[in-house]
């Protein structure tokens, strides 16, 4: 069950509530009783790391690794210092 954050616009009370996804949002403030208790938008409490579908299908393309290493790093030959892509990165 997710944890939802609520805030009362009348008294300023902020509190977390454990609710089922299908439950109706709370409206009455437990402290002052006003019907100005609203669910807040907040970040998810987890972070996806490592390899998986989210890294290959949804990750920002600008942060993806290059498809293949330069020839001098891949063991397929050597390049001069002037034309070496690995030397340009450092």
PDB file of N, CA and C in Angstrom:
ATOM      1  N   UNK A   1       0.846  -1.183   0.000  1.00  0.00           N
ATOM      2  CA  UNK A   1       0.000   0.000   0.000  1.00  0.00           C
ATOM      3  C   UNK A   1       0.893   1.248   0.000  1.00  0.00           C
ATOM      4  N   UNK A   2       0.542   2.227  -0.816  1.00  0.00           N
ATOM      5  CA  UNK A   2       1.344   3.449  -0.876  1.00  0.00           C
ATOM      6  C   UNK A   2       1.095   4.369   0.317  1.00  0.00           C
ATOM      7  N   UNK A   3       2.067   5.203   0.564  1.00  0.00           N
ATOM      8  CA  UNK A   3       1.962   6.225   1.599  1.00  0.00           C
ATOM      9  C   UNK A   3       1.720   7.549   0.907  1.00  0.00           C
ATOM     10  N   UNK A   4       0.651   8.227   1.271  1.00  0.00           N
ATOM     11  CA  UNK A   4       0.309   9.513   0.684  1.00  0.00           C
ATOM     12  C   UNK A   4       0.560  10.627   1.693  1.00  0.00           C
ATOM     13  N   UNK A   5       1.043  11.750   1.194  1.00  0.00           N
ATOM     14  CA  UNK A   5       1.264  12.925   2.041  1.00  0.00           C
ATOM     15  C   UNK A   5       0.063  13.855   1.901  1.00  0.00           C
ATOM     16  N   UNK A   6      -0.394  14.377   3.025  1.00  0.00           N
ATOM     17  CA  UNK A   6      -1.517  15.314   3.045  1.00  0.00           C
ATOM     18  C   UNK A   6      -1.094  16.584   3.769  1.00  0.00           C
ATOM     19  N   UNK A   7      -1.761  17.684   3.409  1.00  0.00           N
ATOM     20  CA  UNK A   7      -1.526  18.963   4.081  1.00  0.00           C
ATOM     21  C   UNK A   7      -2.857  19.683   4.201  1.00  0.00           C
ATOM     22  N   UNK A   8      -3.102  20.254   5.383  1.00  0.00           N
ATOM     23  CA  UNK A   8      -4.317  21.023   5.624  1.00  0.00           C
ATOM     24  C   UNK A   8      -4.058  22.492   5.281  1.00  0.00           C
ATOM     25  N   UNK A   9      -4.880  23.039   4.396  1.00  0.00           N
ATOM     26  CA  UNK A   9      -4.731  24.439   4.003  1.00  0.00           C
ATOM     27  C   UNK A   9      -5.203  25.378   5.108  1.00  0.00           C
ATOM     28  N   UNK A  10      -5.982  24.889   6.053  1.00  0.00           N
ATOM     29  CA  UNK A  10      -6.498  25.733   7.132  1.00  0.00           C
ATOM     30  C   UNK A  10      -5.503  25.868   8.290  1.00  0.00           C
ATOM     31  N   UNK A  11      -5.003  24.739   8.807  1.00  0.00           N
ATOM     32  CA  UNK A  11      -4.130  24.799   9.989  1.00  0.00           C
ATOM     33  C   UNK A  11      -2.664  24.493   9.683  1.00  0.00           C
ATOM     34  N   UNK A  12      -2.365  23.980   8.474  1.00  0.00           N
ATOM     35  CA  UNK A  12      -0.984  23.713   8.091  1.00  0.00           C
ATOM     36  C   UNK A  12      -0.461  22.341   8.497  1.00  0.00           C
ATOM     37  N   UNK A  13      -1.286  21.487   9.059  1.00  0.00           N
ATOM     38  CA  UNK A  13      -0.862  20.146   9.465  1.00  0.00           C
ATOM     39  C   UNK A  13      -0.400  19.356   8.241  1.00  0.00           C
ATOM     40  N   UNK A  14       0.776  18.725   8.335  1.00  0.00           N
ATOM     41  CA  UNK A  14       1.272  17.838   7.291  1.00  0.00           C
ATOM     42  C   UNK A  14       1.430  16.458   7.900  1.00  0.00           C
ATOM     43  N   UNK A  15       0.872  15.445   7.216  1.00  0.00           N
ATOM     44  CA  UNK A  15       0.892  14.098   7.768  1.00  0.00           C
ATOM     45  C   UNK A  15       0.868  13.085   6.627  1.00  0.00           C
ATOM     46  N   UNK A  16       1.471  11.910   6.879  1.00  0.00           N
ATOM     47  CA  UNK A  16       1.454  10.821   5.913  1.00  0.00           C
ATOM     48  C   UNK A  16       0.399   9.805   6.326  1.00  0.00           C
ATOM     49  N   UNK A  17      -0.283   9.240   5.329  1.00  0.00           N
ATOM     50  CA  UNK A  17      -1.311   8.238   5.582  1.00  0.00           C
ATOM     51  C   UNK A  17      -1.084   7.045   4.670  1.00  0.00           C
ATOM     52  N   UNK A  18      -1.199   5.843   5.210  1.00  0.00           N
ATOM     53  CA  UNK A  18      -1.086   4.601   4.467  1.00  0.00           C
ATOM     54  C   UNK A  18      -2.480   4.253   3.964  1.00  0.00           C
ATOM     55  N   UNK A  19      -2.654   4.251   2.622  1.00  0.00           N
ATOM     56  CA  UNK A  19      -3.970   3.992   2.044  1.00  0.00           C
ATOM     57  C   UNK A  19      -3.848   3.045   0.864  1.00  0.00           C
ATOM     58  N   UNK A  20      -4.926   2.348   0.562  1.00  0.00           N
ATOM     59  CA  UNK A  20      -4.990   1.533  -0.639  1.00  0.00           C
ATOM     60  C   UNK A  20      -5.095   2.476  -1.835  1.00  0.00           C
ATOM     61  N   UNK A  21      -4.647   2.008  -2.991  1.00  0.00           N
ATOM     62  CA  UNK A  21      -4.697   2.829  -4.196  1.00  0.00           C
ATOM     63  C   UNK A  21      -6.136   3.206  -4.541  1.00  0.00           C
ATOM     64  N   UNK A  22      -7.066   2.304  -4.345  1.00  0.00           N
ATOM     65  CA  UNK A  22      -8.464   2.544  -4.689  1.00  0.00           C
ATOM     66  C   UNK A  22      -9.236   3.361  -3.661  1.00  0.00           C
ATOM     67  N   UNK A  23      -8.662   3.638  -2.496  1.00  0.00           N
ATOM     68  CA  UNK A  23      -9.363   4.414  -1.473  1.00  0.00           C
ATOM     69  C   UNK A  23      -9.569   5.858  -1.924  1.00  0.00           C
ATOM     70  N   UNK A  24     -10.671   6.432  -1.516  1.00  0.00           N
ATOM     71  CA  UNK A  24     -10.948   7.841  -1.814  1.00  0.00           C
ATOM     72  C   UNK A  24      -9.990   8.720  -1.005  1.00  0.00           C
ATOM     73  N   UNK A  25      -9.554   9.852  -1.573  1.00  0.00           N
ATOM     74  CA  UNK A  25      -8.670  10.752  -0.828  1.00  0.00           C
ATOM     75  C   UNK A  25      -9.350  11.282   0.438  1.00  0.00           C
ATOM     76  N   UNK A  26      -8.552  11.498   1.479  1.00  0.00           N
ATOM     77  CA  UNK A  26      -9.082  12.065   2.711  1.00  0.00           C
ATOM     78  C   UNK A  26      -9.390  13.544   2.482  1.00  0.00           C
ATOM     79  N   UNK A  27     -10.425  14.047   3.141  1.00  0.00           N
ATOM     80  CA  UNK A  27     -10.784  15.455   2.969  1.00  0.00           C
ATOM     81  C   UNK A  27     -10.845  16.210   4.292  1.00  0.00           C
ATOM     82  N   UNK A  28     -11.127  15.530   5.386  1.00  0.00           N
ATOM     83  CA  UNK A  28     -11.255  16.190   6.694  1.00  0.00           C
ATOM     84  C   UNK A  28      -9.925  16.121   7.443  1.00  0.00           C
ATOM     85  N   UNK A  29      -9.462  17.266   7.921  1.00  0.00           N
ATOM     86  CA  UNK A  29      -8.216  17.339   8.675  1.00  0.00           C
ATOM     87  C   UNK A  29      -8.397  16.683  10.047  1.00  0.00           C
ATOM     88  N   UNK A  30      -7.482  15.771  10.443  1.00  0.00           N
ATOM     89  CA  UNK A  30      -7.619  15.124  11.744  1.00  0.00           C
ATOM     90  C   UNK A  30      -7.354  16.072  12.916  1.00  0.00           C
ATOM     91  N   UNK A  31      -6.712  17.203  12.670  1.00  0.00           N
ATOM     92  CA  UNK A  31      -6.393  18.135  13.750  1.00  0.00           C
ATOM     93  C   UNK A  31      -7.478  19.191  13.952  1.00  0.00           C
ATOM     94  N   UNK A  32      -7.885  19.854  12.873  1.00  0.00           N
ATOM     95  CA  UNK A  32      -8.846  20.952  13.029  1.00  0.00           C
ATOM     96  C   UNK A  32     -10.241  20.614  12.516  1.00  0.00           C
ATOM     97  N   UNK A  33     -10.376  19.520  11.744  1.00  0.00           N
ATOM     98  CA  UNK A  33     -11.680  19.095  11.261  1.00  0.00           C
ATOM     99  C   UNK A  33     -12.144  19.790   9.990  1.00  0.00           C
ATOM    100  N   UNK A  34     -11.385  20.760   9.494  1.00  0.00           N
ATOM    101  CA  UNK A  34     -11.762  21.465   8.268  1.00  0.00           C
ATOM    102  C   UNK A  34     -11.692  20.511   7.068  1.00  0.00           C
ATOM    103  N   UNK A  35     -12.491  20.788   6.064  1.00  0.00           N
ATOM    104  CA  UNK A  35     -12.512  19.970   4.853  1.00  0.00           C
ATOM    105  C   UNK A  35     -11.526  20.523   3.815  1.00  0.00           C
ATOM    106  N   UNK A  36     -10.346  20.915   4.276  1.00  0.00           N
ATOM    107  CA  UNK A  36      -9.324  21.475   3.385  1.00  0.00           C
ATOM    108  C   UNK A  36      -8.040  20.640   3.436  1.00  0.00           C
ATOM    109  N   UNK A  37      -8.191  19.369   3.692  1.00  0.00           N
ATOM    110  CA  UNK A  37      -7.083  18.412   3.780  1.00  0.00           C
ATOM    111  C   UNK A  37      -6.837  17.863   2.385  1.00  0.00           C
ATOM    112  N   UNK A  38      -5.687  18.160   1.795  1.00  0.00           N
ATOM    113  CA  UNK A  38      -5.436  17.816   0.400  1.00  0.00           C
ATOM    114  C   UNK A  38      -4.207  16.929   0.247  1.00  0.00           C
ATOM    115  N   UNK A  39      -4.289  15.999  -0.684  1.00  0.00           N
ATOM    116  CA  UNK A  39      -3.166  15.114  -0.985  1.00  0.00           C
ATOM    117  C   UNK A  39      -2.105  15.905  -1.745  1.00  0.00           C
ATOM    118  N   UNK A  40      -0.853  15.715  -1.348  1.00  0.00           N
ATOM    119  CA  UNK A  40       0.266  16.410  -1.977  1.00  0.00           C
ATOM    120  C   UNK A  40       0.928  15.512  -3.014  1.00  0.00           C
ATOM    121  N   UNK A  41       1.554  16.126  -3.986  1.00  0.00           N
ATOM    122  CA  UNK A  41       2.333  15.380  -4.975  1.00  0.00           C
ATOM    123  C   UNK A  41       3.748  15.263  -4.437  1.00  0.00           C
ATOM    124  N   UNK A  42       4.283  14.045  -4.425  1.00  0.00           N
ATOM    125  CA  UNK A  42       5.636  13.846  -3.901  1.00  0.00           C
ATOM    126  C   UNK A  42       6.379  12.835  -4.764  1.00  0.00           C
ATOM    127  N   UNK A  43       7.677  12.780  -4.590  1.00  0.00           N
ATOM    128  CA  UNK A  43       8.519  11.865  -5.354  1.00  0.00           C
ATOM    129  C   UNK A  43       8.361  10.437  -4.852  1.00  0.00           C
ATOM    130  N   UNK A  44       8.637   9.504  -5.732  1.00  0.00           N
ATOM    131  CA  UNK A  44       8.594   8.094  -5.350  1.00  0.00           C
ATOM    132  C   UNK A  44       9.709   7.794  -4.358  1.00  0.00           C
ATOM    133  N   UNK A  45       9.494   6.828  -3.502  1.00  0.00           N
ATOM    134  CA  UNK A  45      10.464   6.490  -2.471  1.00  0.00           C
ATOM    135  C   UNK A  45      11.458   5.433  -2.887  1.00  0.00           C
ATOM    136  N   UNK A  46      11.674   5.231  -4.189  1.00  0.00           N
ATOM    137  CA  UNK A  46      12.652   4.248  -4.638  1.00  0.00           C
ATOM    138  C   UNK A  46      13.359   4.773  -5.871  1.00  0.00           C
ATOM    139  N   UNK A  47      14.487   4.170  -6.191  1.00  0.00           N
ATOM    140  CA  UNK A  47      15.271   4.559  -7.347  1.00  0.00           C
ATOM    141  C   UNK A  47      15.734   3.296  -8.059  1.00  0.00           C
ATOM    142  N   UNK A  48      15.552   3.271  -9.379  1.00  0.00           N
ATOM    143  CA  UNK A  48      15.961   2.117 -10.162  1.00  0.00           C
ATOM    144  C   UNK A  48      17.435   2.253 -10.519  1.00  0.00           C
ATOM    145  N   UNK A  49      18.221   1.199 -10.253  1.00  0.00           N
ATOM    146  CA  UNK A  49      19.649   1.208 -10.545  1.00  0.00           C
ATOM    147  C   UNK A  49      20.032  -0.091 -11.231  1.00  0.00           C
ATOM    148  N   UNK A  50      21.172  -0.074 -11.888  1.00  0.00           N
ATOM    149  CA  UNK A  50      21.678  -1.284 -12.514  1.00  0.00           C
ATOM    150  C   UNK A  50      21.189  -1.438 -13.934  1.00  0.00           C
ATOM    151  N   UNK A  51      21.239  -2.660 -14.435  1.00  0.00           N
ATOM    152  CA  UNK A  51      20.805  -2.956 -15.801  1.00  0.00           C
ATOM    153  C   UNK A  51      19.392  -3.497 -15.766  1.00  0.00           C
ATOM    154  N   UNK A  52      18.612  -3.144 -16.750  1.00  0.00           N
ATOM    155  CA  UNK A  52      17.244  -3.631 -16.829  1.00  0.00           C
ATOM    156  C   UNK A  52      16.485  -2.885 -17.909  1.00  0.00           C
ATOM    157  N   UNK A  53      15.206  -3.188 -18.055  1.00  0.00           N
ATOM    158  CA  UNK A  53      14.405  -2.585 -19.123  1.00  0.00           C
ATOM    159  C   UNK A  53      14.360  -1.071 -19.022  1.00  0.00           C
ATOM    160  N   UNK A  54      14.348  -0.519 -17.799  1.00  0.00           N
ATOM    161  CA  UNK A  54      14.271   0.935 -17.640  1.00  0.00           C
ATOM    162  C   UNK A  54      15.552   1.613 -18.119  1.00  0.00           C
ATOM    163  N   UNK A  55      16.693   0.931 -18.007  1.00  0.00           N
ATOM    164  CA  UNK A  55      17.964   1.513 -18.456  1.00  0.00           C
ATOM    165  C   UNK A  55      18.096   1.446 -19.971  1.00  0.00           C
ATOM    166  N   UNK A  56      17.550   0.407 -20.572  1.00  0.00           N
ATOM    167  CA  UNK A  56      17.693   0.246 -22.021  1.00  0.00           C
ATOM    168  C   UNK A  56      16.563   0.892 -22.807  1.00  0.00           C
ATOM    169  N   UNK A  57      15.369   0.965 -22.232  1.00  0.00           N
ATOM    170  CA  UNK A  57      14.222   1.465 -22.986  1.00  0.00           C
ATOM    171  C   UNK A  57      13.807   2.891 -22.638  1.00  0.00           C
ATOM    172  N   UNK A  58      14.037   3.333 -21.409  1.00  0.00           N
ATOM    173  CA  UNK A  58      13.519   4.620 -20.996  1.00  0.00           C
ATOM    174  C   UNK A  58      14.563   5.616 -20.523  1.00  0.00           C
ATOM    175  N   UNK A  59      15.795   5.208 -20.417  1.00  0.00           N
ATOM    176  CA  UNK A  59      16.836   6.096 -19.924  1.00  0.00           C
ATOM    177  C   UNK A  59      17.142   7.173 -20.966  1.00  0.00           C
ATOM    178  N   UNK A  60      17.616   8.306 -20.525  1.00  0.00           N
ATOM    179  CA  UNK A  60      17.964   9.414 -21.400  1.00  0.00           C
ATOM    180  C   UNK A  60      19.034   8.962 -22.397  1.00  0.00           C
ATOM    181  N   UNK A  61      18.791   9.115 -23.727  1.00  0.00           N
ATOM    182  CA  UNK A  61      19.779   8.651 -24.705  1.00  0.00           C
ATOM    183  C   UNK A  61      21.122   9.375 -24.596  1.00  0.00           C
ATOM    184  N   UNK A  62      21.136  10.588 -24.075  1.00  0.00           N
ATOM    185  CA  UNK A  62      22.391  11.332 -23.949  1.00  0.00           C
ATOM    186  C   UNK A  62      23.316  10.706 -22.910  1.00  0.00           C
ATOM    187  N   UNK A  63      22.768   9.924 -21.991  1.00  0.00           N
ATOM    188  CA  UNK A  63      23.588   9.326 -20.931  1.00  0.00           C
ATOM    189  C   UNK A  63      23.991   7.887 -21.253  1.00  0.00           C
ATOM    190  N   UNK A  64      23.544   7.358 -22.400  1.00  0.00           N
ATOM    191  CA  UNK A  64      23.910   5.988 -22.758  1.00  0.00           C
ATOM    192  C   UNK A  64      25.380   5.918 -23.152  1.00  0.00           C
ATOM    193  N   UNK A  65      25.984   4.761 -22.939  1.00  0.00           N
ATOM    194  CA  UNK A  65      27.380   4.543 -23.297  1.00  0.00           C
ATOM    195  C   UNK A  65      27.500   4.387 -24.813  1.00  0.00           C
ATOM    196  N   UNK A  66      28.656   4.724 -25.391  1.00  0.00           N
ATOM    197  CA  UNK A  66      28.833   4.518 -26.828  1.00  0.00           C
ATOM    198  C   UNK A  66      28.731   3.046 -27.183  1.00  0.00           C
ATOM    199  N   UNK A  67      28.340   2.753 -28.422  1.00  0.00           N
ATOM    200  CA  UNK A  67      28.109   1.377 -28.861  1.00  0.00           C
ATOM    201  C   UNK A  67      29.379   0.536 -28.840  1.00  0.00           C
ATOM    202  N   UNK A  68      30.506   1.108 -29.226  1.00  0.00           N
ATOM    203  CA  UNK A  68      31.746   0.336 -29.222  1.00  0.00           C
ATOM    204  C   UNK A  68      32.902   1.240 -28.795  1.00  0.00           C
ATOM    205  N   UNK A  69      33.935   0.659 -28.175  1.00  0.00           N
ATOM    206  CA  UNK A  69      35.079   1.463 -27.761  1.00  0.00           C
ATOM    207  C   UNK A  69      35.936   1.854 -28.967  1.00  0.00           C
ATOM    208  N   UNK A  70      36.757   2.882 -28.841  1.00  0.00           N
ATOM    209  CA  UNK A  70      37.682   3.223 -29.928  1.00  0.00           C
ATOM    210  C   UNK A  70      38.586   2.027 -30.220  1.00  0.00           C
ATOM    211  N   UNK A  71      39.116   1.917 -31.465  1.00  0.00           N
ATOM    212  CA  UNK A  71      39.937   0.761 -31.830  1.00  0.00           C
ATOM    213  C   UNK A  71      41.110   0.527 -30.887  1.00  0.00           C
ATOM    214  N   UNK A  72      41.745   1.585 -30.400  1.00  0.00           N
ATOM    215  CA  UNK A  72      42.908   1.391 -29.540  1.00  0.00           C
ATOM    216  C   UNK A  72      42.523   0.781 -28.189  1.00  0.00           C
ATOM    217  N   UNK A  73      41.281   0.965 -27.757  1.00  0.00           N
ATOM    218  CA  UNK A  73      40.841   0.385 -26.492  1.00  0.00           C
ATOM    219  C   UNK A  73      40.183  -0.977 -26.688  1.00  0.00           C
ATOM    220  N   UNK A  74      39.714  -1.243 -27.896  1.00  0.00           N
ATOM    221  CA  UNK A  74      39.043  -2.507 -28.163  1.00  0.00           C
ATOM    222  C   UNK A  74      39.978  -3.617 -28.567  1.00  0.00           C
ATOM    223  N   UNK A  75      41.272  -3.319 -28.711  1.00  0.00           N
ATOM    224  CA  UNK A  75      42.248  -4.334 -29.051  1.00  0.00           C
ATOM    225  C   UNK A  75      42.317  -4.638 -30.537  1.00  0.00           C
ATOM    226  N   UNK A  76      41.678  -3.816 -31.375  1.00  0.00           N
ATOM    227  CA  UNK A  76      41.638  -4.084 -32.808  1.00  0.00           C
ATOM    228  C   UNK A  76      42.711  -3.313 -33.572  1.00  0.00           C
ATOM    229  N   UNK A  77      43.556  -2.568 -32.923  1.00  0.00           N
ATOM    230  CA  UNK A  77      44.567  -1.788 -33.616  1.00  0.00           C
ATOM    231  C   UNK A  77      44.987  -0.616 -32.766  1.00  0.00           C
ATOM    232  N   UNK A  78      45.779   0.236 -33.358  1.00  0.00           N
ATOM    233  CA  UNK A  78      46.251   1.402 -32.634  1.00  0.00           C
ATOM    234  C   UNK A  78      45.940   2.650 -33.444  1.00  0.00           C
ATOM    235  N   UNK A  79      45.810   3.769 -32.754  1.00  0.00           N
ATOM    236  CA  UNK A  79      45.601   5.038 -33.433  1.00  0.00           C
ATOM    237  C   UNK A  79      46.643   6.022 -32.909  1.00  0.00           C
ATOM    238  N   UNK A  80      46.902   7.034 -33.715  1.00  0.00           N
ATOM    239  CA  UNK A  80      47.910   8.014 -33.290  1.00  0.00           C
ATOM    240  C   UNK A  80      47.329   8.900 -32.205  1.00  0.00           C
ATOM    241  N   UNK A  81      48.162   9.550 -31.443  1.00  0.00           N
ATOM    242  CA  UNK A  81      47.716  10.425 -30.360  1.00  0.00           C
ATOM    243  C   UNK A  81      46.863  11.569 -30.892  1.00  0.00           C
ATOM    244  N   UNK A  82      47.128  12.021 -32.114  1.00  0.00           N
ATOM    245  CA  UNK A  82      46.381  13.135 -32.688  1.00  0.00           C
ATOM    246  C   UNK A  82      44.963  12.734 -33.081  1.00  0.00           C
ATOM    247  N   UNK A  83      44.741  11.468 -33.448  1.00  0.00           N
ATOM    248  CA  UNK A  83      43.428  11.038 -33.920  1.00  0.00           C
ATOM    249  C   UNK A  83      42.710  10.113 -32.952  1.00  0.00           C
ATOM    250  N   UNK A  84      43.270   9.832 -31.820  1.00  0.00           N
ATOM    251  CA  UNK A  84      42.698   8.890 -30.861  1.00  0.00           C
ATOM    252  C   UNK A  84      41.475   9.501 -30.162  1.00  0.00           C
ATOM    253  N   UNK A  85      40.272   8.890 -30.304  1.00  0.00           N
ATOM    254  CA  UNK A  85      39.102   9.411 -29.612  1.00  0.00           C
ATOM    255  C   UNK A  85      39.227   9.323 -28.086  1.00  0.00           C
ATOM    256  N   UNK A  86      39.967   8.329 -27.599  1.00  0.00           N
ATOM    257  CA  UNK A  86      40.138   8.194 -26.151  1.00  0.00           C
ATOM    258  C   UNK A  86      40.976   9.333 -25.598  1.00  0.00           C
ATOM    259  N   UNK A  87      41.969   9.814 -26.361  1.00  0.00           N
ATOM    260  CA  UNK A  87      42.802  10.929 -25.914  1.00  0.00           C
ATOM    261  C   UNK A  87      42.013  12.216 -25.909  1.00  0.00           C
ATOM    262  N   UNK A  88      41.020  12.352 -26.798  1.00  0.00           N
ATOM    263  CA  UNK A  88      40.200  13.566 -26.859  1.00  0.00           C
ATOM    264  C   UNK A  88      39.283  13.672 -25.660  1.00  0.00           C
ATOM    265  N   UNK A  89      38.865  12.543 -25.081  1.00  0.00           N
ATOM    266  CA  UNK A  89      37.968  12.554 -23.924  1.00  0.00           C
ATOM    267  C   UNK A  89      38.664  12.997 -22.648  1.00  0.00           C
ATOM    268  N   UNK A  90      39.982  12.829 -22.558  1.00  0.00           N
ATOM    269  CA  UNK A  90      40.669  13.139 -21.303  1.00  0.00           C
ATOM    270  C   UNK A  90      41.239  14.535 -21.303  1.00  0.00           C
TER     271      UNK A  90
END
